[in-house]
Structures are given as C-alpha cells and as structure tokens.
C-alpha atoms as a PDB file:
ATOM      1  CA  UNK A   1       4.558   8.893 -22.921  1.00  0.00           C
ATOM      2  CA  UNK A   2       2.132   8.587 -20.041  1.00  0.00           C
ATOM      3  CA  UNK A   3      -1.566   9.266 -20.447  1.00  0.00           C
ATOM      4  CA  UNK A   4      -2.852  11.896 -17.965  1.00  0.00           C
ATOM      5  CA  UNK A   5      -5.354   9.456 -16.461  1.00  0.00           C
ATOM      6  CA  UNK A   6      -2.646   6.816 -15.980  1.00  0.00           C
ATOM      7  CA  UNK A   7      -0.461   9.406 -14.213  1.00  0.00           C
ATOM      8  CA  UNK A   8      -3.353  10.571 -12.029  1.00  0.00           C
ATOM      9  CA  UNK A   9      -4.249   6.984 -11.094  1.00  0.00           C
ATOM     10  CA  UNK A  10      -0.633   6.234 -10.190  1.00  0.00           C
ATOM     11  CA  UNK A  11      -0.340   9.363  -8.048  1.00  0.00           C
ATOM     12  CA  UNK A  12      -3.525   8.445  -6.180  1.00  0.00           C
ATOM     13  CA  UNK A  13      -2.235   4.935  -5.486  1.00  0.00           C
ATOM     14  CA  UNK A  14       1.150   6.342  -4.428  1.00  0.00           C
ATOM     15  CA  UNK A  15      -0.539   8.687  -1.937  1.00  0.00           C
ATOM     16  CA  UNK A  16      -2.538   5.908  -0.322  1.00  0.00           C
ATOM     17  CA  UNK A  17       0.219   3.282  -0.293  1.00  0.00           C
ATOM     18  CA  UNK A  18       1.779   3.294   3.175  1.00  0.00           C
ATOM     19  CA  UNK A  19       5.453   2.795   2.239  1.00  0.00           C
ATOM     20  CA  UNK A  20       6.925   5.684   0.269  1.00  0.00           C
ATOM     21  CA  UNK A  21      10.074   4.242  -1.316  1.00  0.00           C
ATOM     22  CA  UNK A  22      11.026   3.565  -4.930  1.00  0.00           C
ATOM     23  CA  UNK A  23       8.515   5.849  -6.610  1.00  0.00           C
ATOM     24  CA  UNK A  24      10.346   5.807  -9.955  1.00  0.00           C
ATOM     25  CA  UNK A  25      10.478   2.012 -10.054  1.00  0.00           C
ATOM     26  CA  UNK A  26       6.798   1.829  -9.099  1.00  0.00           C
ATOM     27  CA  UNK A  27       5.884   4.321 -11.832  1.00  0.00           C
ATOM     28  CA  UNK A  28       7.679   2.166 -14.427  1.00  0.00           C
ATOM     29  CA  UNK A  29       5.779  -0.945 -13.346  1.00  0.00           C
ATOM     30  CA  UNK A  30       2.517   1.029 -13.400  1.00  0.00           C
ATOM     31  CA  UNK A  31       3.250   2.226 -16.945  1.00  0.00           C
ATOM     32  CA  UNK A  32       3.964  -1.336 -18.057  1.00  0.00           C
ATOM     33  CA  UNK A  33       0.741  -2.606 -16.461  1.00  0.00           C
ATOM     34  CA  UNK A  34      -1.434   0.160 -17.996  1.00  0.00           C
ATOM     35  CA  UNK A  35      -4.229  -0.659 -15.527  1.00  0.00           C
ATOM     36  CA  UNK A  36      -7.788  -0.090 -16.640  1.00  0.00           C
ATOM     37  CA  UNK A  37     -10.493   1.360 -14.380  1.00  0.00           C
ATOM     38  CA  UNK A  38     -11.444  -2.058 -12.995  1.00  0.00           C
ATOM     39  CA  UNK A  39      -7.845  -2.953 -12.116  1.00  0.00           C
ATOM     40  CA  UNK A  40      -7.248   0.444 -10.508  1.00  0.00           C
ATOM     41  CA  UNK A  41     -10.304  -0.115  -8.306  1.00  0.00           C
ATOM     42  CA  UNK A  42      -9.062  -3.593  -7.337  1.00  0.00           C
ATOM     43  CA  UNK A  43      -5.699  -2.071  -6.410  1.00  0.00           C
ATOM     44  CA  UNK A  44      -7.347   0.594  -4.233  1.00  0.00           C
ATOM     45  CA  UNK A  45      -9.524  -2.031  -2.548  1.00  0.00           C
ATOM     46  CA  UNK A  46      -6.555  -4.319  -1.885  1.00  0.00           C
ATOM     47  CA  UNK A  47      -4.476  -1.526  -0.355  1.00  0.00           C
ATOM     48  CA  UNK A  48      -7.430  -0.574   1.852  1.00  0.00           C
ATOM     49  CA  UNK A  49      -7.658  -4.009   3.482  1.00  0.00           C
ATOM     50  CA  UNK A  50      -3.969  -4.951   3.345  1.00  0.00           C
ATOM     51  CA  UNK A  51      -2.859  -1.858   5.233  1.00  0.00           C
ATOM     52  CA  UNK A  52      -4.693  -3.225   8.300  1.00  0.00           C
ATOM     53  CA  UNK A  53      -3.141  -6.666   8.204  1.00  0.00           C
ATOM     54  CA  UNK A  54      -0.771  -7.576  11.055  1.00  0.00           C
ATOM     55  CA  UNK A  55       2.141  -8.133   8.644  1.00  0.00           C
ATOM     56  CA  UNK A  56       1.909  -4.522   7.422  1.00  0.00           C
ATOM     57  CA  UNK A  57       1.534  -3.134  10.938  1.00  0.00           C
ATOM     58  CA  UNK A  58       4.368  -5.161  12.472  1.00  0.00           C
ATOM     59  CA  UNK A  59       7.630  -3.398  13.319  1.00  0.00           C
ATOM     60  CA  UNK A  60       6.472   0.034  12.154  1.00  0.00           C
ATOM     61  CA  UNK A  61       5.624  -1.245   8.668  1.00  0.00           C
ATOM     62  CA  UNK A  62       9.004  -2.892   8.048  1.00  0.00           C
ATOM     63  CA  UNK A  63       7.295  -5.738   6.198  1.00  0.00           C
ATOM     64  CA  UNK A  64       5.312  -3.617   3.765  1.00  0.00           C
ATOM     65  CA  UNK A  65       6.740  -4.367   0.320  1.00  0.00           C
ATOM     66  CA  UNK A  66       7.883  -1.537  -1.910  1.00  0.00           C
ATOM     67  CA  UNK A  67       5.073  -0.533  -4.259  1.00  0.00           C
ATOM     68  CA  UNK A  68       7.045  -1.708  -7.323  1.00  0.00           C
ATOM     69  CA  UNK A  69       7.397  -5.169  -5.764  1.00  0.00           C
ATOM     70  CA  UNK A  70       3.744  -5.204  -4.733  1.00  0.00           C
ATOM     71  CA  UNK A  71       2.684  -4.327  -8.283  1.00  0.00           C
ATOM     72  CA  UNK A  72       5.111  -6.773  -9.941  1.00  0.00           C
ATOM     73  CA  UNK A  73       3.778  -9.579  -7.745  1.00  0.00           C
ATOM     74  CA  UNK A  74       0.151  -8.614  -8.495  1.00  0.00           C
ATOM     75  CA  UNK A  75      -0.527  -8.459  -4.764  1.00  0.00           C
ATOM     76  CA  UNK A  76      -3.922  -6.829  -5.369  1.00  0.00           C
ATOM     77  CA  UNK A  77      -4.996 -10.365  -6.270  1.00  0.00           C
ATOM     78  CA  UNK A  78      -4.140 -11.638  -2.757  1.00  0.00           C
ATOM     79  CA  UNK A  79      -7.006 -12.814  -0.623  1.00  0.00           C
ATOM     80  CA  UNK A  80      -7.505 -11.508   2.882  1.00  0.00           C
ATOM     81  CA  UNK A  81      -6.162 -13.642   5.699  1.00  0.00           C
ATOM     82  CA  UNK A  82      -9.187 -14.688   7.719  1.00  0.00           C
ATOM     83  CA  UNK A  83      -7.399 -15.218  10.997  1.00  0.00           C
ATOM     84  CA  UNK A  84      -7.743 -12.773  13.825  1.00  0.00           C
ATOM     85  CA  UNK A  85      -7.798  -9.211  12.544  1.00  0.00           C
ATOM     86  CA  UNK A  86      -7.455  -5.960  14.364  1.00  0.00           C
ATOM     87  CA  UNK A  87     -10.351  -3.676  15.103  1.00  0.00           C
ATOM     88  CA  UNK A  88     -10.253  -0.127  13.769  1.00  0.00           C
ATOM     89  CA  UNK A  89      -9.626   1.062  17.332  1.00  0.00           C
ATOM     90  CA  UNK A  90      -6.628  -1.279  17.664  1.00  0.00           C
ATOM     91  CA  UNK A  91      -5.268  -0.168  14.303  1.00  0.00           C
ATOM     92  CA  UNK A  92      -5.499   3.505  15.337  1.00  0.00           C
ATOM     93  CA  UNK A  93      -3.838   2.719  18.663  1.00  0.00           C
ATOM     94  CA  UNK A  94      -0.965   0.874  16.932  1.00  0.00           C
ATOM     95  CA  UNK A  95      -0.514   3.694  14.449  1.00  0.00           C
ATOM     96  CA  UNK A  96      -0.439   6.264  17.264  1.00  0.00           C
ATOM     97  CA  UNK A  97       2.093   4.207  19.207  1.00  0.00           C
ATOM     98  CA  UNK A  98       4.218   3.810  16.078  1.00  0.00           C
ATOM     99  CA  UNK A  99       4.165   7.552  15.397  1.00  0.00           C
ATOM    100  CA  UNK A 100       5.099   8.354  19.001  1.00  0.00           C
ATOM    101  CA  UNK A 101       7.980   5.898  19.041  1.00  0.00           C
ATOM    102  CA  UNK A 102       9.239   7.258  15.718  1.00  0.00           C
ATOM    103  CA  UNK A 103       9.256  10.785  17.154  1.00  0.00           C
ATOM    104  CA  UNK A 104      11.105   9.583  20.243  1.00  0.00           C
ATOM    105  CA  UNK A 105      13.787   7.971  18.078  1.00  0.00           C
ATOM    106  CA  UNK A 106      14.380  11.148  16.073  1.00  0.00           C
END
C-alpha cells in the first residue's frame, strides 16, 4: 500500500505537471520509484524549468510527454538546453494565446 507521504508527493507533482493524462499509470511508476525527499525535489525543479522549454510550449503542449513516460525515462535528470530560451513575458504571452485559441476551438 502507498505511504501517505508518497501519495502526497505524487499528488503535488501531478498538480504541477502540465499534461494531465494517464494519472493511474503515472501513480504506478511513482510507487515503483519510491522517491525520497531529494529525488522529489529534483523532480519539482526539473518540471519548473522544463515547462518553459520551447518543446513543451510548441503546438499547445502536444510534445509534453505523459507523466508516466517522463518518470520512466528519468527525465528529471535531463539538463537544460542552453540555446535561446523564452523570457517569462514571452512564456505568459504564449500561454495566453494558447488558452484563447483553445477557447475559440471549443
């Protein structure tokens, strides 16, 4: 059975991860990993910088991997791409444009 802290850590990561698909599969991977406090922090840090990378922002987030895949591939160990990055203002603008276009398509 899951430890309360493990469940709480997973739920926090799920809330901050930008693509909300395959929660059950992601929970199973999380349970198998049994991340300690240090790993959980690395995961939070990686999500924080990866969510601003052009690949994750492109095509309304179509290239964001499912969380289960991201965890299975240990993507928190990836290193930031040091090419041109977007400013916070540009990220907010892209997110706003994405939200508006999504509403228009509905």
